[in-house]
Amino acid sequence: MEGHSPPVPPLAAHGHLALSESELVDWGERFGRAARPPLVVAIAGELGAGKTTLARAICRGYGVPDEVTSPTFTLVHEYRGTRSPVYHLDLYRLKGQDDLANIGWDDIISSEALVLIEWPERAAELLPSDHVPILLQHLPDDPDRRLLYAGGHVGERKFGDHA
């Protein structure tokens, strides 16, 4: 729709935030507490931007009691959250969309789960249209902070009433 901007998650009402690592963790934990399945979150950003740190914080807020680690070499980690399973994917090592079938992409994306995807650009148009896009960037003048952009095609039903 022309002139209509897509809804933004309640935790990023202004679309972007400049955050320290501890603030990023706090934001992620609050996001995790508010998230409702099924929900796909696409976390993009360059190496070292804080994608896994954010995914770990979202999992903690979502009620995952286990240690959350990067699935860089295994590609997919599955955790038990209090509301649903959580799938944490790292698509960095995939060569293209054809590799997604090998990790069970269709089953994961269609599950009643929280799905966190690092390097989502590898999936491109195979991402569901209602995914939550998050972008983390380094701030050139402040190496201790990250710029977080959040928003996009987010249905209000995907989030609880609290921030």
N, C-alpha and C. Protein backbone atom coordinates (compact mmCIF):
# COMPACT_ATOMS: atom_id res chain seq x y z
N MET A 1 0.83 -1.19 0.00
CA MET A 1 0.00 0.00 0.00
C MET A 1 0.87 1.24 0.00
N GLU A 2 0.57 2.16 -0.86
CA GLU A 2 1.35 3.39 -0.91
C GLU A 2 1.03 4.24 0.30
N GLY A 3 2.07 4.80 0.91
CA GLY A 3 1.89 5.66 2.08
C GLY A 3 1.66 4.90 3.37
N HIS A 4 1.71 3.58 3.31
CA HIS A 4 1.50 2.77 4.51
C HIS A 4 2.79 2.05 4.84
N SER A 5 3.31 2.33 6.02
CA SER A 5 4.52 1.63 6.43
C SER A 5 4.13 0.38 7.19
N PRO A 6 4.90 -0.69 7.05
CA PRO A 6 4.57 -1.93 7.75
C PRO A 6 4.70 -1.74 9.25
N PRO A 7 3.94 -2.54 10.02
CA PRO A 7 4.05 -2.44 11.48
C PRO A 7 5.46 -2.79 11.94
N VAL A 8 5.86 -2.25 13.06
CA VAL A 8 7.18 -2.47 13.64
C VAL A 8 7.00 -3.16 14.97
N PRO A 9 7.87 -4.12 15.33
CA PRO A 9 7.75 -4.75 16.64
C PRO A 9 7.67 -3.70 17.74
N PRO A 10 6.88 -3.96 18.78
CA PRO A 10 6.71 -2.97 19.84
C PRO A 10 8.01 -2.60 20.54
N LEU A 11 9.05 -3.41 20.40
CA LEU A 11 10.30 -3.12 21.08
C LEU A 11 11.23 -2.26 20.25
N ALA A 12 10.81 -1.86 19.07
CA ALA A 12 11.62 -0.98 18.23
C ALA A 12 10.70 0.03 17.55
N ALA A 13 9.96 0.74 18.36
CA ALA A 13 8.92 1.63 17.85
C ALA A 13 9.45 2.68 16.88
N HIS A 14 10.69 3.04 16.99
CA HIS A 14 11.25 4.05 16.10
C HIS A 14 12.04 3.44 14.95
N GLY A 15 12.06 2.10 14.83
CA GLY A 15 12.70 1.45 13.71
C GLY A 15 14.16 1.12 13.89
N HIS A 16 14.90 1.91 14.65
CA HIS A 16 16.31 1.60 14.88
C HIS A 16 16.76 2.13 16.23
N LEU A 17 17.75 1.47 16.76
CA LEU A 17 18.30 1.82 18.07
C LEU A 17 19.81 1.65 18.03
N ALA A 18 20.55 2.52 18.70
CA ALA A 18 21.99 2.34 18.87
C ALA A 18 22.18 1.76 20.26
N LEU A 19 22.76 0.55 20.33
CA LEU A 19 22.80 -0.20 21.58
C LEU A 19 24.20 -0.70 21.91
N SER A 20 24.52 -0.69 23.21
CA SER A 20 25.71 -1.39 23.70
C SER A 20 25.39 -2.88 23.71
N GLU A 21 26.38 -3.72 23.95
CA GLU A 21 26.11 -5.16 24.01
C GLU A 21 25.11 -5.50 25.11
N SER A 22 25.24 -4.91 26.28
CA SER A 22 24.29 -5.21 27.36
C SER A 22 22.89 -4.72 27.02
N GLU A 23 22.78 -3.60 26.33
CA GLU A 23 21.47 -3.11 25.90
C GLU A 23 20.88 -4.01 24.82
N LEU A 24 21.73 -4.52 23.93
CA LEU A 24 21.28 -5.46 22.89
C LEU A 24 20.75 -6.73 23.54
N VAL A 25 21.45 -7.23 24.54
CA VAL A 25 21.00 -8.42 25.26
C VAL A 25 19.67 -8.15 25.95
N ASP A 26 19.53 -7.02 26.60
CA ASP A 26 18.27 -6.67 27.26
C ASP A 26 17.14 -6.58 26.24
N TRP A 27 17.40 -5.91 25.12
CA TRP A 27 16.39 -5.78 24.05
C TRP A 27 15.98 -7.17 23.56
N GLY A 28 16.96 -8.04 23.32
CA GLY A 28 16.68 -9.38 22.84
C GLY A 28 15.86 -10.19 23.84
N GLU A 29 16.19 -10.08 25.12
CA GLU A 29 15.42 -10.82 26.13
C GLU A 29 13.98 -10.34 26.18
N ARG A 30 13.77 -9.03 26.08
CA ARG A 30 12.39 -8.50 26.07
C ARG A 30 11.66 -8.94 24.80
N PHE A 31 12.36 -8.94 23.67
CA PHE A 31 11.77 -9.41 22.42
C PHE A 31 11.35 -10.87 22.58
N GLY A 32 12.23 -11.69 23.16
CA GLY A 32 11.92 -13.11 23.36
C GLY A 32 10.72 -13.31 24.27
N ARG A 33 10.60 -12.51 25.32
CA ARG A 33 9.44 -12.62 26.21
C ARG A 33 8.15 -12.26 25.49
N ALA A 34 8.23 -11.34 24.54
CA ALA A 34 7.05 -10.87 23.83
C ALA A 34 6.68 -11.73 22.62
N ALA A 35 7.61 -12.50 22.08
CA ALA A 35 7.39 -13.28 20.87
C ALA A 35 6.38 -14.39 21.09
N ARG A 36 5.57 -14.63 20.06
CA ARG A 36 4.58 -15.71 20.08
C ARG A 36 4.73 -16.53 18.80
N PRO A 37 4.76 -17.87 18.94
CA PRO A 37 4.92 -18.70 17.74
C PRO A 37 3.60 -18.80 16.96
N PRO A 38 3.66 -19.14 15.70
CA PRO A 38 4.86 -19.30 14.89
C PRO A 38 5.43 -17.93 14.52
N LEU A 39 6.74 -17.82 14.59
CA LEU A 39 7.40 -16.56 14.28
C LEU A 39 8.79 -16.85 13.71
N VAL A 40 9.08 -16.25 12.57
CA VAL A 40 10.39 -16.36 11.93
C VAL A 40 11.07 -15.00 12.04
N VAL A 41 12.27 -15.00 12.62
CA VAL A 41 13.05 -13.77 12.81
C VAL A 41 14.33 -13.91 11.99
N ALA A 42 14.52 -12.99 11.05
CA ALA A 42 15.69 -13.00 10.17
C ALA A 42 16.68 -11.97 10.69
N ILE A 43 17.82 -12.44 11.22
CA ILE A 43 18.82 -11.56 11.83
C ILE A 43 20.01 -11.43 10.89
N ALA A 44 20.11 -10.27 10.24
CA ALA A 44 21.18 -10.02 9.28
C ALA A 44 22.23 -9.10 9.89
N GLY A 45 23.42 -9.14 9.33
CA GLY A 45 24.50 -8.28 9.79
C GLY A 45 25.84 -8.89 9.43
N GLU A 46 26.85 -8.04 9.39
CA GLU A 46 28.17 -8.52 9.02
C GLU A 46 28.77 -9.37 10.15
N LEU A 47 29.88 -10.02 9.86
CA LEU A 47 30.57 -10.82 10.88
C LEU A 47 30.87 -9.96 12.10
N GLY A 48 30.59 -10.51 13.27
CA GLY A 48 30.90 -9.81 14.51
C GLY A 48 29.92 -8.72 14.90
N ALA A 49 28.80 -8.61 14.20
CA ALA A 49 27.83 -7.55 14.50
C ALA A 49 26.97 -7.85 15.72
N GLY A 50 26.92 -9.13 16.14
CA GLY A 50 26.14 -9.48 17.33
C GLY A 50 24.93 -10.34 17.05
N LYS A 51 24.89 -11.01 15.90
CA LYS A 51 23.74 -11.84 15.55
C LYS A 51 23.52 -12.98 16.55
N THR A 52 24.59 -13.69 16.87
CA THR A 52 24.44 -14.81 17.81
C THR A 52 24.16 -14.30 19.22
N THR A 53 24.76 -13.18 19.60
CA THR A 53 24.47 -12.58 20.90
C THR A 53 22.99 -12.25 21.00
N LEU A 54 22.43 -11.67 19.94
CA LEU A 54 21.01 -11.34 19.94
C LEU A 54 20.15 -12.59 19.96
N ALA A 55 20.51 -13.59 19.16
CA ALA A 55 19.74 -14.84 19.14
C ALA A 55 19.76 -15.50 20.53
N ARG A 56 20.91 -15.50 21.18
CA ARG A 56 21.03 -16.06 22.52
C ARG A 56 20.11 -15.33 23.50
N ALA A 57 20.06 -14.01 23.41
CA ALA A 57 19.22 -13.21 24.30
C ALA A 57 17.74 -13.45 24.02
N ILE A 58 17.36 -13.54 22.75
CA ILE A 58 15.96 -13.83 22.41
C ILE A 58 15.57 -15.18 22.98
N CYS A 59 16.44 -16.18 22.84
CA CYS A 59 16.16 -17.51 23.39
C CYS A 59 15.99 -17.46 24.90
N ARG A 60 16.86 -16.73 25.58
CA ARG A 60 16.76 -16.61 27.04
C ARG A 60 15.41 -16.01 27.42
N GLY A 61 15.02 -14.94 26.75
CA GLY A 61 13.73 -14.31 27.02
C GLY A 61 12.55 -15.21 26.69
N TYR A 62 12.73 -16.09 25.73
CA TYR A 62 11.67 -17.01 25.29
C TYR A 62 11.55 -18.22 26.22
N GLY A 63 12.48 -18.34 27.15
CA GLY A 63 12.40 -19.43 28.12
C GLY A 63 13.24 -20.64 27.79
N VAL A 64 14.25 -20.50 26.95
CA VAL A 64 15.15 -21.62 26.65
C VAL A 64 16.14 -21.74 27.80
N PRO A 65 16.13 -22.87 28.51
CA PRO A 65 17.03 -23.01 29.67
C PRO A 65 18.45 -23.44 29.30
N ASP A 66 18.63 -23.95 28.08
CA ASP A 66 19.93 -24.48 27.66
C ASP A 66 20.87 -23.36 27.22
N GLU A 67 22.16 -23.69 27.19
CA GLU A 67 23.14 -22.76 26.62
C GLU A 67 22.90 -22.69 25.11
N VAL A 68 22.81 -21.48 24.60
CA VAL A 68 22.58 -21.27 23.17
C VAL A 68 23.92 -20.92 22.53
N THR A 69 24.30 -21.72 21.55
CA THR A 69 25.58 -21.51 20.87
C THR A 69 25.34 -21.31 19.38
N SER A 70 26.34 -20.83 18.70
CA SER A 70 26.23 -20.58 17.26
C SER A 70 26.15 -21.91 16.50
N PRO A 71 25.19 -22.03 15.59
CA PRO A 71 25.10 -23.24 14.77
C PRO A 71 25.90 -23.13 13.47
N THR A 72 27.02 -22.43 13.52
CA THR A 72 27.80 -22.17 12.31
C THR A 72 28.17 -23.45 11.57
N PHE A 73 28.60 -24.48 12.27
CA PHE A 73 29.04 -25.70 11.60
C PHE A 73 27.94 -26.75 11.50
N THR A 74 26.99 -26.74 12.44
CA THR A 74 25.89 -27.71 12.39
C THR A 74 24.72 -27.18 11.58
N LEU A 75 24.67 -25.89 11.34
CA LEU A 75 23.66 -25.17 10.57
C LEU A 75 22.34 -24.97 11.32
N VAL A 76 21.91 -25.96 12.13
CA VAL A 76 20.64 -25.84 12.85
C VAL A 76 20.82 -26.36 14.27
N HIS A 77 20.37 -25.58 15.24
CA HIS A 77 20.23 -26.05 16.61
C HIS A 77 18.76 -25.98 16.98
N GLU A 78 18.29 -26.98 17.69
CA GLU A 78 16.91 -26.97 18.17
C GLU A 78 16.93 -26.92 19.69
N TYR A 79 16.11 -26.04 20.25
CA TYR A 79 15.99 -25.88 21.70
C TYR A 79 14.52 -25.99 22.10
N ARG A 80 14.29 -26.27 23.36
CA ARG A 80 12.93 -26.29 23.90
C ARG A 80 12.69 -24.99 24.63
N GLY A 81 11.72 -24.22 24.15
CA GLY A 81 11.29 -23.00 24.83
C GLY A 81 10.06 -23.31 25.65
N THR A 82 9.62 -22.36 26.45
CA THR A 82 8.44 -22.61 27.27
C THR A 82 7.15 -22.61 26.46
N ARG A 83 7.13 -21.93 25.30
CA ARG A 83 5.92 -21.86 24.47
C ARG A 83 5.98 -22.76 23.24
N SER A 84 7.16 -23.11 22.80
CA SER A 84 7.30 -23.91 21.59
C SER A 84 8.78 -24.27 21.41
N PRO A 85 9.05 -25.12 20.42
CA PRO A 85 10.46 -25.32 20.07
C PRO A 85 11.05 -24.03 19.50
N VAL A 86 12.37 -23.94 19.55
CA VAL A 86 13.10 -22.83 18.94
C VAL A 86 14.13 -23.45 18.00
N TYR A 87 14.13 -22.98 16.76
CA TYR A 87 15.13 -23.39 15.79
C TYR A 87 16.04 -22.19 15.54
N HIS A 88 17.34 -22.42 15.69
CA HIS A 88 18.34 -21.38 15.47
C HIS A 88 19.18 -21.85 14.28
N LEU A 89 19.08 -21.12 13.17
CA LEU A 89 19.75 -21.49 11.93
C LEU A 89 20.85 -20.49 11.62
N ASP A 90 21.95 -21.00 11.10
CA ASP A 90 23.02 -20.15 10.59
C ASP A 90 23.26 -20.59 9.15
N LEU A 91 22.88 -19.75 8.21
CA LEU A 91 22.94 -20.10 6.80
C LEU A 91 24.23 -19.65 6.12
N TYR A 92 25.18 -19.15 6.89
CA TYR A 92 26.41 -18.59 6.34
C TYR A 92 27.13 -19.55 5.39
N ARG A 93 27.20 -20.83 5.74
CA ARG A 93 27.98 -21.79 4.97
C ARG A 93 27.22 -22.38 3.78
N LEU A 94 25.96 -22.02 3.62
CA LEU A 94 25.20 -22.55 2.49
C LEU A 94 25.62 -21.83 1.21
N LYS A 95 25.67 -22.59 0.14
CA LYS A 95 26.06 -22.01 -1.15
C LYS A 95 24.88 -21.33 -1.84
N GLY A 96 23.68 -21.78 -1.54
CA GLY A 96 22.50 -21.20 -2.18
C GLY A 96 21.23 -21.82 -1.64
N GLN A 97 20.12 -21.43 -2.23
CA GLN A 97 18.82 -21.89 -1.76
C GLN A 97 18.63 -23.39 -1.91
N ASP A 98 19.31 -24.01 -2.86
CA ASP A 98 19.17 -25.45 -3.04
C ASP A 98 19.62 -26.23 -1.80
N ASP A 99 20.56 -25.67 -1.05
CA ASP A 99 21.07 -26.33 0.16
C ASP A 99 20.04 -26.32 1.30
N LEU A 100 19.03 -25.49 1.21
CA LEU A 100 18.05 -25.39 2.30
C LEU A 100 17.27 -26.68 2.51
N ALA A 101 17.00 -27.41 1.44
CA ALA A 101 16.27 -28.67 1.56
C ALA A 101 17.03 -29.66 2.45
N ASN A 102 18.35 -29.61 2.40
CA ASN A 102 19.17 -30.54 3.18
C ASN A 102 19.10 -30.30 4.69
N ILE A 103 18.66 -29.13 5.10
CA ILE A 103 18.56 -28.85 6.55
C ILE A 103 17.11 -28.91 7.05
N GLY A 104 16.18 -29.33 6.18
CA GLY A 104 14.78 -29.43 6.59
C GLY A 104 14.05 -28.10 6.60
N TRP A 105 14.45 -27.20 5.72
CA TRP A 105 13.92 -25.83 5.68
C TRP A 105 12.38 -25.79 5.71
N ASP A 106 11.72 -26.51 4.82
CA ASP A 106 10.26 -26.43 4.73
C ASP A 106 9.60 -26.84 6.04
N ASP A 107 10.09 -27.91 6.65
CA ASP A 107 9.52 -28.36 7.93
C ASP A 107 9.75 -27.34 9.03
N ILE A 108 10.94 -26.78 9.08
CA ILE A 108 11.27 -25.80 10.13
C ILE A 108 10.42 -24.55 9.97
N ILE A 109 10.36 -24.01 8.76
CA ILE A 109 9.65 -22.76 8.52
C ILE A 109 8.14 -22.91 8.74
N SER A 110 7.60 -24.08 8.48
CA SER A 110 6.15 -24.28 8.64
C SER A 110 5.77 -24.79 10.03
N SER A 111 6.75 -24.95 10.92
CA SER A 111 6.45 -25.48 12.26
C SER A 111 5.86 -24.40 13.17
N GLU A 112 5.22 -24.84 14.20
CA GLU A 112 4.67 -23.96 15.24
C GLU A 112 5.80 -23.66 16.22
N ALA A 113 6.74 -22.81 15.79
CA ALA A 113 7.97 -22.59 16.54
C ALA A 113 8.45 -21.16 16.38
N LEU A 114 9.42 -20.81 17.22
CA LEU A 114 10.19 -19.59 17.03
C LEU A 114 11.41 -19.99 16.22
N VAL A 115 11.62 -19.33 15.08
CA VAL A 115 12.73 -19.66 14.19
C VAL A 115 13.61 -18.42 14.06
N LEU A 116 14.87 -18.56 14.47
CA LEU A 116 15.84 -17.47 14.40
C LEU A 116 16.85 -17.82 13.32
N ILE A 117 16.99 -16.93 12.32
CA ILE A 117 17.84 -17.23 11.18
C ILE A 117 18.94 -16.19 11.06
N GLU A 118 20.19 -16.64 11.20
CA GLU A 118 21.34 -15.78 10.93
C GLU A 118 21.72 -15.95 9.46
N TRP A 119 22.18 -14.89 8.83
CA TRP A 119 22.52 -14.85 7.42
C TRP A 119 21.31 -15.20 6.56
N PRO A 120 20.16 -14.54 6.80
CA PRO A 120 18.92 -14.88 6.09
C PRO A 120 18.97 -14.58 4.59
N GLU A 121 19.91 -13.74 4.16
CA GLU A 121 19.99 -13.42 2.73
C GLU A 121 20.27 -14.67 1.90
N ARG A 122 20.80 -15.74 2.51
CA ARG A 122 21.05 -16.98 1.79
C ARG A 122 19.74 -17.67 1.41
N ALA A 123 18.66 -17.35 2.12
CA ALA A 123 17.35 -17.93 1.83
C ALA A 123 16.55 -17.05 0.87
N ALA A 124 16.89 -15.76 0.83
CA ALA A 124 16.26 -14.78 -0.08
C ALA A 124 14.73 -14.90 -0.07
N GLU A 125 14.15 -15.12 -1.24
CA GLU A 125 12.69 -15.11 -1.35
C GLU A 125 12.01 -16.32 -0.72
N LEU A 126 12.78 -17.26 -0.20
CA LEU A 126 12.17 -18.40 0.49
C LEU A 126 11.80 -18.08 1.93
N LEU A 127 12.21 -16.91 2.41
CA LEU A 127 11.76 -16.47 3.74
C LEU A 127 10.26 -16.21 3.68
N PRO A 128 9.53 -16.56 4.74
CA PRO A 128 8.09 -16.27 4.74
C PRO A 128 7.86 -14.75 4.67
N SER A 129 6.80 -14.36 4.03
CA SER A 129 6.52 -12.93 3.85
C SER A 129 6.27 -12.22 5.17
N ASP A 130 5.86 -12.95 6.20
CA ASP A 130 5.56 -12.31 7.49
C ASP A 130 6.71 -12.42 8.49
N HIS A 131 7.93 -12.67 8.00
CA HIS A 131 9.07 -12.76 8.93
C HIS A 131 9.39 -11.39 9.51
N VAL A 132 10.08 -11.40 10.64
CA VAL A 132 10.53 -10.17 11.29
C VAL A 132 11.98 -9.93 10.89
N PRO A 133 12.25 -8.88 10.11
CA PRO A 133 13.63 -8.60 9.74
C PRO A 133 14.34 -7.75 10.79
N ILE A 134 15.54 -8.17 11.15
CA ILE A 134 16.39 -7.41 12.07
C ILE A 134 17.75 -7.29 11.41
N LEU A 135 18.30 -6.09 11.43
CA LEU A 135 19.62 -5.85 10.87
C LEU A 135 20.50 -5.22 11.95
N LEU A 136 21.68 -5.79 12.15
CA LEU A 136 22.66 -5.25 13.08
C LEU A 136 23.85 -4.72 12.29
N GLN A 137 24.30 -3.52 12.63
CA GLN A 137 25.46 -2.92 11.97
C GLN A 137 26.40 -2.33 12.99
N HIS A 138 27.69 -2.38 12.68
CA HIS A 138 28.68 -1.70 13.50
C HIS A 138 28.51 -0.19 13.33
N LEU A 139 28.76 0.56 14.37
CA LEU A 139 28.80 2.01 14.28
C LEU A 139 30.25 2.41 14.07
N PRO A 140 30.58 3.08 12.97
CA PRO A 140 31.98 3.38 12.67
C PRO A 140 32.66 4.24 13.74
N ASP A 141 31.91 5.11 14.38
CA ASP A 141 32.50 6.02 15.37
C ASP A 141 32.44 5.47 16.79
N ASP A 142 31.79 4.31 16.98
CA ASP A 142 31.63 3.76 18.33
C ASP A 142 31.64 2.24 18.26
N PRO A 143 32.82 1.62 18.36
CA PRO A 143 32.94 0.17 18.20
C PRO A 143 32.24 -0.65 19.29
N ASP A 144 31.83 -0.01 20.38
CA ASP A 144 31.17 -0.73 21.46
C ASP A 144 29.65 -0.76 21.31
N ARG A 145 29.13 -0.13 20.27
CA ARG A 145 27.68 -0.08 20.07
C ARG A 145 27.32 -0.65 18.71
N ARG A 146 26.09 -1.13 18.61
CA ARG A 146 25.56 -1.65 17.35
C ARG A 146 24.29 -0.88 17.02
N LEU A 147 24.07 -0.69 15.74
CA LEU A 147 22.84 -0.10 15.28
C LEU A 147 21.90 -1.25 14.96
N LEU A 148 20.73 -1.25 15.57
CA LEU A 148 19.75 -2.30 15.37
C LEU A 148 18.58 -1.70 14.61
N TYR A 149 18.27 -2.28 13.46
CA TYR A 149 17.08 -1.93 12.69
C TYR A 149 16.11 -3.09 12.84
N ALA A 150 14.88 -2.82 13.19
CA ALA A 150 13.89 -3.88 13.32
C ALA A 150 12.59 -3.41 12.70
N GLY A 151 11.87 -4.33 12.14
CA GLY A 151 10.57 -3.98 11.60
C GLY A 151 10.31 -4.70 10.31
N GLY A 152 9.20 -4.40 9.74
CA GLY A 152 8.83 -5.04 8.50
C GLY A 152 7.45 -5.63 8.60
N HIS A 153 7.31 -6.79 8.06
CA HIS A 153 6.00 -7.43 7.96
C HIS A 153 5.70 -8.21 9.23
N VAL A 154 5.26 -7.48 10.25
CA VAL A 154 5.04 -8.09 11.56
C VAL A 154 3.58 -7.99 11.91
N GLY A 155 2.95 -9.12 12.18
CA GLY A 155 1.57 -9.11 12.64
C GLY A 155 1.54 -8.87 14.14
N GLU A 156 0.65 -8.01 14.59
CA GLU A 156 0.56 -7.71 16.03
C GLU A 156 0.28 -8.97 16.85
N ARG A 157 -0.39 -9.97 16.26
CA ARG A 157 -0.72 -11.18 17.00
C ARG A 157 0.53 -11.96 17.39
N LYS A 158 1.68 -11.65 16.82
CA LYS A 158 2.91 -12.38 17.09
C LYS A 158 3.57 -11.94 18.38
N PHE A 159 3.09 -10.88 19.00
CA PHE A 159 3.73 -10.35 20.19
C PHE A 159 2.73 -10.23 21.32
N GLY A 160 3.22 -10.42 22.53
CA GLY A 160 2.39 -10.22 23.72
C GLY A 160 2.13 -8.74 23.94
N ASP A 161 1.42 -8.45 24.99
CA ASP A 161 1.06 -7.06 25.28
C ASP A 161 2.14 -6.28 25.98
N HIS A 162 3.22 -6.94 26.38
CA HIS A 162 4.26 -6.24 27.14
C HIS A 162 5.53 -6.09 26.32
N ALA A 163 6.30 -5.10 26.69
CA ALA A 163 7.59 -4.88 26.01
C ALA A 163 8.71 -5.32 26.89
